[in-house]
Structure formats: C-alpha cells, structure tokens
C-alpha cells in the first residue's frame, strides 16, 4: 500500500531524492484567476452563479442570520457543547499568552515604541466537503480575537441542502463570529479580498483549504494579508520504532490521510519488520473506517514508507520533507526534537497524537503544508497584527545623530534627507524652536 523508499546506505544530501508535491502541475492558476476576475466584476451575482456551478445549490441570500447562529448553538448536545467550550478556553488562553506587547527602546534620548496593532477586519475560511470543521472555526477565530480584531467574517461552502453544518455555526456563535456566509472555494476568497455588494473586504484571510483555495489565497496576497504560507491538504510524518505499538502508528497515519486525496502520510523508521507491522495494521484498521475510500486513496497516491539507517538520518528526512505534522514516537524523541528544523507542529512521545493538536492542545491547527514549513510557521496572533513604530526624538537626541544622518543621506544621493537635518540645525543656530 505505502510506497517504499529505501535510504539505507544513502549518503549526502537528500535534495531530489525524496518525492515532493508537484504543485506546478496541480495548481489550477488560470482557472483560479478567472473565478477571481468574475467575482471582482460581477459581485454578488457572480458569487451566486459560481455557487450554483461548483456546489450545485442556488443561494439567494448567503448570509447566515444571528438567529440561525444562536439556534445552532442551542441545538447542540450538552456533551458536544461542553467539548467545544473546553477547546475554546484552551485555544483562547494559549493565544492570549502569545499576544505581543508593546515594547520601548531608548538610545541616546531617541525613544522607539514598537506597538502591535490588530487589523480591523479578518476573513476566516472554514472548509467543507468531505467533513465538517468546527475546530477550524476555533483555530482561526480565537487567534484573531486574542490579537484584538474587532470584525470577523467567516465563509464556508454550503452542503447539498444549501446550508452550513449546524456544529460549524454553533462554533461561530461560541467564538462571537456574527458575520457568516454560505460561500466556499475560490469565490469565497475573492469575495473576502475584494468585497461585493454584500460583503465588505477584509484585511487578512486565514484558514486551510484544498489546492484551489490555497492557490486563490496566493493570488490575492498583497491585496490582503495571507496568514500561513500554504495551508493546503493535510500531511503527517511519523518517525516510529517498537517503543510505540504498531497499531498506534497505523491509526496516526490514517488520522491525517482520512481528510482525503491531496494529503500525504509518511512513516520513517529504521526497523523494517516494524514497518511491515504498521502496514499490516493499516489494512486491518481501514476495514473498520467509515472513510475507508478517501483514506485509502490518499495512502495509495501519497503514502510513503521510508527506511533509514538511524534516528539521526530519520530527522534529516523530516527536515527535507518539512511536514505539516510531525510525530516522534520513538526512543530518544526528546533528544531528536532538538534537530528538527522544518515542521509545522511536532508531537512528542506515544501519548500525543496529532489529533490533540487538531482540537485543543492550544496552538492553531492551521499549519504550513507542501514543504512551506521551511520558511513559514503556524497561524498565530502575529498573523492578525502588524507592528507600528512610534519614534520620539529630543533635541539632544537629534544632536547626537544629526551628522551621521546627513552623511548617510548624502552617500545615497538623497538631498532632501540631508536637508531635513541641516534645516533643523539652522533653527538651532538662529535660536528658533521647531
């Protein structure tokens, strides 16, 4: 089932040895651009037509009312409501601790205050389709709330009945998101970026999605801020050995693969017999899965079993893959993690499946995929804030740096930059107060 890659005896760099997602062939750039253009030109009418085309439902009024949101929350079973509240409290608490504070630095009477400022309006994308994701509502809305964002807009694709699942709406209500639209796909990203007659544009868009959604976010980047580099189909790498039961390793590979095609699942181990045990366990476990078909498709298309010589070589493989989720379920995991450089989130030990991170460990589960963990990290409060610098300069502070500023400005050929200093020096010589 899993594609075998035998790196035992392999020396040197791994670049080009391991398969990478072929995004250039997958990314439907021209089609995405066309949809974005249609939304920009046609507004609400175009969004409605695109929803008919892609979701096969006609939605005249896409906004979900406040009454519907409250009704969805009140309709939850008490145990599920309690679970959502628990996740809510843990996620919000984590991100409140993460939130940046203003800090001041004074050097020779020049004081600079670095002030975090939240964006005014953030767009949240919550996928639909094969599953429903109330967890993604919490994992995008709560970092934004902790950052101080006042207006949150949530878009999620409608189901065949033309609705958003009730538990997703309930999660939105719990998080205080009162602007929710039954719009999905590229058209949702375009609507949040450029606006329509109904939807006002946002400043930042956050949230995972399929390759179409991920590409759309890249296309509108610059018009709006895009949180997390490429939050696309889910990925996992498990580094495992016999210290973890093969059934646990198998189910943890399955847990990400069950999101469906487009994702990737890797087992990296130095124990060939253990690898076979895991593969056998996957086949047995899948027989009981209600999502067997989509999980199997993912594992066949993008499931890998990588054999290495040592745990250290395993970490080299991890850093080359740069996975969204990494589970270290092997002896010495607490030491090996010190060598991990590229991963969205790392789970240490046998008691920490990625599912705990998906729901309530605290950090957002919106993570970089497709190797973008090489230069990007998880969704955080910082994605909903920007830094504004306030510079205060006293007369003595000015005197201390004026000559250097003039020299640097003239070296760059910028006359007015230098003149801004000499003009103030003239004021001082003439006894004037600026």
Protein backbone atom coordinates (compact mmCIF):
# COMPACT_ATOMS: atom_id res chain seq x y z
CA UNK A 1 0.00 0.00 0.00
CA UNK A 2 2.64 2.56 1.08
CA UNK A 3 5.29 3.42 -1.47
CA UNK A 4 8.66 2.25 -0.22
CA UNK A 5 11.71 4.47 -0.25
CA UNK A 6 14.88 2.76 0.95
CA UNK A 7 17.52 5.27 2.03
CA UNK A 8 19.66 2.80 3.93
CA UNK A 9 23.27 3.36 2.94
CA UNK A 10 22.34 6.70 1.37
CA UNK A 11 24.93 9.39 1.98
CA UNK A 12 24.96 13.06 1.18
CA UNK A 13 22.13 15.46 0.52
CA UNK A 14 18.55 14.28 0.19
CA UNK A 15 17.51 17.07 -2.13
CA UNK A 16 15.94 15.48 -5.20
CA UNK A 17 15.85 12.03 -3.62
CA UNK A 18 12.50 12.37 -1.82
CA UNK A 19 9.26 12.99 -3.71
CA UNK A 20 7.74 16.44 -3.33
CA UNK A 21 4.24 17.63 -4.12
CA UNK A 22 4.19 18.70 -7.75
CA UNK A 23 2.31 21.92 -7.12
CA UNK A 24 3.07 23.33 -10.55
CA UNK A 25 1.04 20.56 -12.16
CA UNK A 26 -1.70 20.63 -9.53
CA UNK A 27 -2.28 24.33 -9.15
CA UNK A 28 -5.12 25.48 -11.44
CA UNK A 29 -3.77 29.03 -11.63
CA UNK A 30 -5.53 30.20 -14.79
CA UNK A 31 -8.91 28.82 -13.67
CA UNK A 32 -8.48 30.41 -10.23
CA UNK A 33 -7.66 33.77 -11.79
CA UNK A 34 -10.75 33.56 -13.98
CA UNK A 35 -13.01 32.92 -10.97
CA UNK A 36 -11.43 35.79 -9.04
CA UNK A 37 -11.98 38.07 -12.05
CA UNK A 38 -15.63 37.04 -12.28
CA UNK A 39 -16.21 37.90 -8.62
CA UNK A 40 -14.47 41.27 -8.96
CA UNK A 41 -16.58 42.16 -11.98
CA UNK A 42 -19.90 40.58 -11.05
CA UNK A 43 -20.07 40.82 -7.26
CA UNK A 44 -22.99 39.06 -5.57
CA UNK A 45 -24.49 37.84 -8.85
CA UNK A 46 -21.22 36.18 -9.87
CA UNK A 47 -20.84 34.58 -6.44
CA UNK A 48 -24.35 33.15 -6.73
CA UNK A 49 -23.67 31.71 -10.19
CA UNK A 50 -20.36 30.23 -9.10
CA UNK A 51 -22.02 28.60 -6.10
CA UNK A 52 -24.57 27.01 -8.44
CA UNK A 53 -21.74 25.83 -10.70
CA UNK A 54 -19.44 24.37 -8.06
CA UNK A 55 -21.74 23.48 -5.16
CA UNK A 56 -24.89 22.68 -7.14
CA UNK A 57 -27.12 24.82 -4.92
CA UNK A 58 -28.76 28.18 -5.55
CA UNK A 59 -28.39 30.50 -2.57
CA UNK A 60 -30.09 33.85 -2.97
CA UNK A 61 -29.15 35.11 0.50
CA UNK A 62 -25.78 33.72 1.56
CA UNK A 63 -25.50 35.43 4.96
CA UNK A 64 -26.46 33.35 7.99
CA UNK A 65 -28.62 35.31 10.42
CA UNK A 66 -27.80 35.83 14.07
CA UNK A 67 -30.94 33.89 14.98
CA UNK A 68 -29.67 30.89 13.00
CA UNK A 69 -26.30 31.05 14.74
CA UNK A 70 -27.87 31.14 18.19
CA UNK A 71 -30.29 28.35 17.26
CA UNK A 72 -27.39 26.17 16.11
CA UNK A 73 -25.61 26.63 19.44
CA UNK A 74 -28.72 25.84 21.48
CA UNK A 75 -29.37 22.71 19.40
CA UNK A 76 -26.07 21.05 20.37
CA UNK A 77 -25.99 18.04 22.61
CA UNK A 78 -24.68 19.10 26.03
CA UNK A 79 -21.59 16.90 25.84
CA UNK A 80 -20.58 18.31 22.46
CA UNK A 81 -21.21 21.86 23.65
CA UNK A 82 -19.00 21.17 26.68
CA UNK A 83 -16.23 19.80 24.43
CA UNK A 84 -16.36 22.91 22.25
CA UNK A 85 -16.23 25.12 25.35
CA UNK A 86 -13.19 23.23 26.63
CA UNK A 87 -11.41 23.61 23.30
CA UNK A 88 -12.43 27.28 23.17
CA UNK A 89 -10.97 28.05 26.59
CA UNK A 90 -7.68 26.24 25.93
CA UNK A 91 -7.14 27.74 22.47
CA UNK A 92 -8.02 31.28 23.57
CA UNK A 93 -5.82 31.04 26.67
CA UNK A 94 -2.84 29.89 24.62
CA UNK A 95 -3.16 32.70 22.11
CA UNK A 96 -3.74 35.34 24.77
CA UNK A 97 -0.37 34.38 26.24
CA UNK A 98 1.12 34.52 22.76
CA UNK A 99 -0.14 38.04 22.02
CA UNK A 100 2.64 40.55 21.55
CA UNK A 101 3.06 43.50 23.86
CA UNK A 102 4.33 46.97 23.13
CA UNK A 103 7.97 47.49 23.98
CA UNK A 104 10.18 50.54 24.20
CA UNK A 105 13.86 51.01 23.42
CA UNK A 106 15.65 54.27 24.20
CA UNK A 107 19.11 55.02 22.81
CA UNK A 108 20.67 58.41 23.46
CA UNK A 109 17.31 60.10 24.00
CA UNK A 110 15.71 58.63 20.90
CA UNK A 111 12.80 56.53 22.09
CA UNK A 112 11.16 53.96 19.81
CA UNK A 113 7.96 52.25 20.84
CA UNK A 114 7.02 49.13 18.91
CA UNK A 115 3.25 48.81 19.12
CA UNK A 116 1.25 45.78 17.93
CA UNK A 117 -1.87 46.93 16.11
CA UNK A 118 -4.62 44.47 15.17
CA UNK A 119 -6.10 44.53 11.71
CA UNK A 120 -9.64 45.83 11.72
CA UNK A 121 -11.31 43.04 9.78
CA UNK A 122 -10.24 39.41 9.29
CA UNK A 123 -11.65 36.76 6.97
CA UNK A 124 -11.80 33.14 8.09
CA UNK A 125 -12.12 30.26 5.63
CA UNK A 126 -13.56 27.02 7.00
CA UNK A 127 -13.52 24.07 4.56
CA UNK A 128 -16.46 21.79 3.90
CA UNK A 129 -16.98 18.88 1.57
CA UNK A 130 -15.80 15.54 2.91
CA UNK A 131 -16.08 16.60 6.56
CA UNK A 132 -17.22 19.47 8.77
CA UNK A 133 -14.72 21.52 10.73
CA UNK A 134 -15.99 23.39 13.79
CA UNK A 135 -12.44 23.02 15.09
CA UNK A 136 -11.20 25.26 12.27
CA UNK A 137 -13.63 27.95 13.36
CA UNK A 138 -11.99 27.98 16.79
CA UNK A 139 -8.47 27.68 15.40
CA UNK A 140 -8.86 30.76 13.18
CA UNK A 141 -11.28 32.95 15.12
CA UNK A 142 -9.62 32.73 18.53
CA UNK A 143 -6.09 33.81 17.49
CA UNK A 144 -7.79 36.76 15.77
CA UNK A 145 -9.79 37.52 18.92
CA UNK A 146 -6.65 37.34 21.06
CA UNK A 147 -4.97 39.76 18.64
CA UNK A 148 -7.76 42.30 19.16
CA UNK A 149 -9.51 42.03 15.78
CA UNK A 150 -12.97 43.56 16.09
CA UNK A 151 -14.67 42.26 12.93
CA UNK A 152 -14.55 38.63 11.86
CA UNK A 153 -16.02 37.29 8.64
CA UNK A 154 -16.42 33.56 8.12
CA UNK A 155 -17.02 31.83 4.79
CA UNK A 156 -17.73 28.12 4.41
CA UNK A 157 -19.12 26.16 1.47
CA UNK A 158 -22.78 25.10 1.63
CA UNK A 159 -23.74 21.44 1.80
CA UNK A 160 -26.13 19.84 -0.77
CA UNK A 161 -29.05 21.29 1.22
CA UNK A 162 -27.65 24.78 0.79
CA UNK A 163 -26.69 25.10 4.45
CA UNK A 164 -23.60 25.17 6.64
CA UNK A 165 -23.47 22.33 9.14
CA UNK A 166 -25.04 23.24 12.46
CA UNK A 167 -21.98 22.43 14.55
CA UNK A 168 -19.89 24.83 12.44
CA UNK A 169 -22.47 27.56 13.00
CA UNK A 170 -22.51 26.73 16.70
CA UNK A 171 -18.73 27.12 16.88
CA UNK A 172 -19.04 30.50 15.14
CA UNK A 173 -21.62 31.60 17.71
CA UNK A 174 -19.38 30.45 20.58
CA UNK A 175 -16.47 32.48 19.16
CA UNK A 176 -18.57 35.59 18.64
CA UNK A 177 -18.39 35.47 14.85
CA UNK A 178 -21.62 37.04 13.71
CA UNK A 179 -20.87 37.57 10.02
CA UNK A 180 -21.08 34.15 8.38
CA UNK A 181 -21.63 33.41 4.68
CA UNK A 182 -22.57 30.25 2.81
CA UNK A 183 -19.84 30.71 0.24
CA UNK A 184 -16.93 28.40 -0.46
CA UNK A 185 -13.98 27.85 -2.74
CA UNK A 186 -12.18 30.46 -4.78
CA UNK A 187 -15.24 32.70 -4.86
CA UNK A 188 -15.17 32.96 -1.06
CA UNK A 189 -11.53 34.04 -1.05
CA UNK A 190 -12.20 36.56 -3.82
CA UNK A 191 -15.24 37.95 -2.02
CA UNK A 192 -13.31 38.46 1.21
CA UNK A 193 -10.37 40.03 -0.61
CA UNK A 194 -12.24 42.38 -2.95
CA UNK A 195 -15.72 42.62 -1.48
CA UNK A 196 -19.12 42.63 -3.14
CA UNK A 197 -22.42 44.40 -2.66
CA UNK A 198 -23.00 42.26 0.44
CA UNK A 199 -19.51 41.57 1.80
CA UNK A 200 -17.04 44.27 2.78
CA UNK A 201 -13.39 43.43 2.07
CA UNK A 202 -11.16 42.17 4.86
CA UNK A 203 -7.55 42.93 5.76
CA UNK A 204 -6.32 39.37 6.36
CA UNK A 205 -7.55 35.93 5.26
CA UNK A 206 -6.78 32.83 7.33
CA UNK A 207 -7.80 29.21 7.17
CA UNK A 208 -6.94 25.98 5.35
CA UNK A 209 -8.44 24.61 2.17
CA UNK A 210 -7.89 22.48 -0.91
CA UNK A 211 -5.46 23.31 -3.69
CA UNK A 212 -7.98 25.74 -5.25
CA UNK A 213 -8.43 27.69 -2.04
CA UNK A 214 -4.70 27.72 -1.29
CA UNK A 215 -3.97 28.99 -4.80
CA UNK A 216 -6.66 31.64 -4.54
CA UNK A 217 -5.11 32.95 -1.34
CA UNK A 218 -1.75 33.22 -3.07
CA UNK A 219 -3.36 35.11 -5.95
CA UNK A 220 -4.93 37.75 -3.69
CA UNK A 221 -1.85 38.11 -1.47
CA UNK A 222 -0.80 41.75 -1.48
CA UNK A 223 -4.37 42.94 -1.75
CA UNK A 224 -4.91 41.33 1.65
CA UNK A 225 -2.59 39.69 4.12
CA UNK A 226 -2.45 35.91 3.88
CA UNK A 227 -1.87 34.08 7.12
CA UNK A 228 0.29 30.93 6.95
CA UNK A 229 2.14 30.40 3.68
CA UNK A 230 0.31 27.47 2.11
CA UNK A 231 -2.31 25.82 4.32
CA UNK A 232 -3.40 23.14 1.89
CA UNK A 233 -4.23 19.42 2.11
CA UNK A 234 -3.17 17.75 5.35
CA UNK A 235 0.19 16.00 5.87
CA UNK A 236 1.84 13.88 8.54
CA UNK A 237 5.22 12.26 9.12
CA UNK A 238 5.52 9.65 11.85
CA UNK A 239 9.01 8.71 13.00
CA UNK A 240 8.47 5.47 14.87
CA UNK A 241 10.03 2.36 16.32
CA UNK A 242 8.98 -0.54 18.51
CA UNK A 243 8.68 1.67 21.57
CA UNK A 244 5.26 2.57 20.13
CA UNK A 245 2.69 -0.13 19.27
CA UNK A 246 2.34 -0.56 15.53
CA UNK A 247 -1.43 -0.08 15.78
CA UNK A 248 -0.97 3.42 17.23
CA UNK A 249 1.43 4.36 14.47
CA UNK A 250 -1.00 2.99 11.90
CA UNK A 251 -4.00 4.91 13.22
CA UNK A 252 -1.98 8.12 13.43
CA UNK A 253 -1.06 7.83 9.76
CA UNK A 254 -4.70 7.20 8.97
CA UNK A 255 -5.92 10.17 11.02
CA UNK A 256 -4.44 12.68 8.61
CA UNK A 257 -4.99 10.60 5.49
CA UNK A 258 -8.73 10.44 6.18
CA UNK A 259 -9.01 14.09 5.22
CA UNK A 260 -8.96 12.75 1.68
CA UNK A 261 -6.94 12.96 -1.54
CA UNK A 262 -4.23 15.59 -1.83
CA UNK A 263 -2.75 14.94 1.60
CA UNK A 264 0.42 12.97 2.39
CA UNK A 265 1.34 10.40 5.03
CA UNK A 266 4.87 9.20 5.79
CA UNK A 267 6.27 6.55 8.08
CA UNK A 268 10.00 6.92 8.64
CA UNK A 269 11.72 4.10 10.53
CA UNK A 270 14.96 2.17 10.83
CA UNK A 271 13.16 -1.10 11.65
CA UNK A 272 11.99 -2.97 8.54
CA UNK A 273 9.96 -5.53 10.48
CA UNK A 274 8.21 -2.77 12.39
CA UNK A 275 7.41 -1.04 9.12
CA UNK A 276 5.70 -4.18 7.85
CA UNK A 277 3.72 -4.49 11.07
CA UNK A 278 2.47 -0.94 10.65
CA UNK A 279 1.42 -1.59 7.06
CA UNK A 280 -0.45 -4.73 8.10
CA UNK A 281 -2.16 -2.80 10.90
CA UNK A 282 -3.25 -0.07 8.47
CA UNK A 283 -5.05 -2.62 6.31
CA UNK A 284 -6.86 -4.11 9.29
CA UNK A 285 -7.84 -0.75 10.78
CA UNK A 286 -9.12 0.58 7.46
CA UNK A 287 -11.68 -2.20 7.28
CA UNK A 288 -13.49 -0.52 10.18
CA UNK A 289 -13.21 3.04 8.87
CA UNK A 290 -16.35 4.76 7.57
CA UNK A 291 -13.98 6.91 5.50
CA UNK A 292 -12.08 3.95 4.07
CA UNK A 293 -12.38 5.00 0.44
CA UNK A 294 -10.89 8.50 0.68
CA UNK A 295 -8.29 7.37 3.23
CA UNK A 296 -7.16 4.50 1.04
CA UNK A 297 -6.91 6.76 -1.98
CA UNK A 298 -4.65 9.15 -0.08
CA UNK A 299 -2.41 6.36 1.20
CA UNK A 300 -2.09 4.74 -2.22
CA UNK A 301 -1.37 8.01 -4.02
CA UNK A 302 0.75 9.79 -1.42
CA UNK A 303 1.56 7.34 1.36
CA UNK A 304 5.24 6.54 1.88
CA UNK A 305 7.30 4.15 3.95
CA UNK A 306 10.85 5.43 4.25
CA UNK A 307 13.54 3.09 5.59
CA UNK A 308 16.64 4.72 7.07
CA UNK A 309 19.73 3.56 8.94
CA UNK A 310 19.46 5.64 12.10
CA UNK A 311 17.18 8.01 14.01
CA UNK A 312 19.50 10.84 13.02
CA UNK A 313 19.01 10.05 9.35
CA UNK A 314 15.26 9.99 10.00
CA UNK A 315 15.41 13.61 11.18
CA UNK A 316 17.33 14.56 8.04
CA UNK A 317 14.43 13.10 6.06
CA UNK A 318 11.95 15.06 8.19
CA UNK A 319 13.77 18.34 7.58
CA UNK A 320 13.80 17.68 3.86
CA UNK A 321 10.06 16.90 3.77
CA UNK A 322 9.17 19.85 6.07
CA UNK A 323 5.82 18.31 7.07
CA UNK A 324 2.73 19.98 8.44
CA UNK A 325 2.51 17.48 11.34
CA UNK A 326 5.41 15.53 12.78
CA UNK A 327 5.03 12.80 15.39
CA UNK A 328 8.15 11.49 17.08
CA UNK A 329 7.09 8.15 18.57
CA UNK A 330 10.41 6.52 19.22
CA UNK A 331 13.08 6.15 21.86
CA UNK A 332 15.01 9.36 22.42
CA UNK A 333 12.28 11.57 20.90
CA UNK A 334 13.01 14.32 23.44
CA UNK A 335 16.60 14.48 22.16
CA UNK A 336 15.83 14.10 18.47
CA UNK A 337 13.40 17.03 18.51
CA UNK A 338 16.36 19.35 19.05
CA UNK A 339 17.49 18.61 15.50
CA UNK A 340 14.10 19.24 13.88
CA UNK A 341 14.21 22.46 11.87
CA UNK A 342 11.30 22.19 9.44
CA UNK A 343 7.85 21.20 10.69
CA UNK A 344 4.57 22.97 11.33
CA UNK A 345 3.86 21.21 14.63
CA UNK A 346 5.77 18.48 16.46
CA UNK A 347 4.16 15.92 18.77
CA UNK A 348 6.46 14.18 21.21
CA UNK A 349 6.00 10.71 22.59
CA UNK A 350 3.40 7.98 22.35
CA UNK A 351 0.67 9.87 24.16
CA UNK A 352 0.46 12.83 21.79
CA UNK A 353 -1.36 12.04 18.55
CA UNK A 354 -1.75 14.96 16.17
CA UNK A 355 -5.50 14.85 16.85
CA UNK A 356 -4.88 16.52 20.23
CA UNK A 357 -3.26 19.41 18.38
CA UNK A 358 -6.09 19.42 15.86
CA UNK A 359 -8.64 20.08 18.58
CA UNK A 360 -7.45 21.52 21.85
CA UNK A 361 -3.76 21.49 22.72
CA UNK A 362 -3.89 25.27 22.33
CA UNK A 363 -1.93 26.36 19.23
CA UNK A 364 -3.84 26.78 15.98
CA UNK A 365 -4.06 23.73 13.76
CA UNK A 366 -3.71 25.92 10.68
CA UNK A 367 -0.20 24.92 9.62
CA UNK A 368 2.10 25.19 6.60
CA UNK A 369 1.88 22.35 4.08
CA UNK A 370 3.59 21.26 0.86
CA UNK A 371 7.07 21.88 2.26
CA UNK A 372 6.40 25.52 3.18
CA UNK A 373 7.36 24.77 6.79
CA UNK A 374 10.89 25.52 5.52
CA UNK A 375 10.02 29.23 5.72
CA UNK A 376 6.62 29.50 7.39
CA UNK A 377 5.02 28.52 10.66
CA UNK A 378 1.68 28.00 12.31
CA UNK A 379 -1.12 30.54 12.36
CA UNK A 380 -0.57 32.84 15.34
CA UNK A 381 -1.73 36.11 16.82
CA UNK A 382 1.02 37.78 14.79
CA UNK A 383 -0.86 36.99 11.58
CA UNK A 384 -3.65 39.32 12.71
CA UNK A 385 -1.41 42.16 13.90
CA UNK A 386 1.17 44.44 12.43
CA UNK A 387 3.88 46.42 14.21
CA UNK A 388 3.71 50.19 14.25
CA UNK A 389 6.79 52.12 15.40
CA UNK A 390 6.48 55.43 17.22
CA UNK A 391 9.73 57.40 17.22
CA UNK A 392 10.32 60.26 19.71
CA UNK A 393 13.47 62.36 19.33
CA UNK A 394 14.60 65.03 21.81
CA UNK A 395 16.84 67.95 20.89
CA UNK A 396 19.86 66.28 22.46
CA UNK A 397 18.94 63.01 20.76
CA UNK A 398 18.82 64.86 17.44
CA UNK A 399 22.21 66.48 18.08
CA UNK A 400 23.77 63.10 18.74
CA UNK A 401 22.82 61.58 15.36
CA UNK A 402 22.38 64.55 13.01
CA UNK A 403 25.84 64.40 11.47
CA UNK A 404 25.61 60.63 10.82
CA UNK A 405 22.17 61.01 9.23
CA UNK A 406 23.48 63.74 6.94
CA UNK A 407 26.48 61.67 5.90
CA UNK A 408 24.37 58.61 5.12
CA UNK A 409 21.82 60.65 3.18
CA UNK A 410 24.46 62.33 1.03
CA UNK A 411 26.12 58.95 0.41
CA UNK A 412 22.83 57.77 -1.03
CA UNK A 413 22.38 60.90 -3.11
CA UNK A 414 19.23 61.94 -1.27
CA UNK A 415 19.44 65.73 -0.95
CA UNK A 416 16.17 66.30 0.96
CA UNK A 417 17.02 63.64 3.52
CA UNK A 418 20.20 65.52 4.36
CA UNK A 419 18.43 68.89 4.22
CA UNK A 420 15.87 67.76 6.79
CA UNK A 421 18.75 67.60 9.26
CA UNK A 422 20.58 70.77 8.25
CA UNK A 423 17.32 72.75 8.32
CA UNK A 424 16.86 71.85 11.97
CA UNK A 425 20.45 72.71 12.70
CA UNK A 426 19.72 76.17 11.20
CA UNK A 427 16.78 76.53 13.54
CA UNK A 428 19.04 75.85 16.49
CA UNK A 429 21.69 78.30 15.32
CA UNK A 430 19.07 81.03 14.96
CA UNK A 431 17.58 80.29 18.36
CA UNK A 432 14.28 79.07 16.94
CA UNK A 433 12.19 76.28 18.42
CA UNK A 434 10.84 73.78 15.91
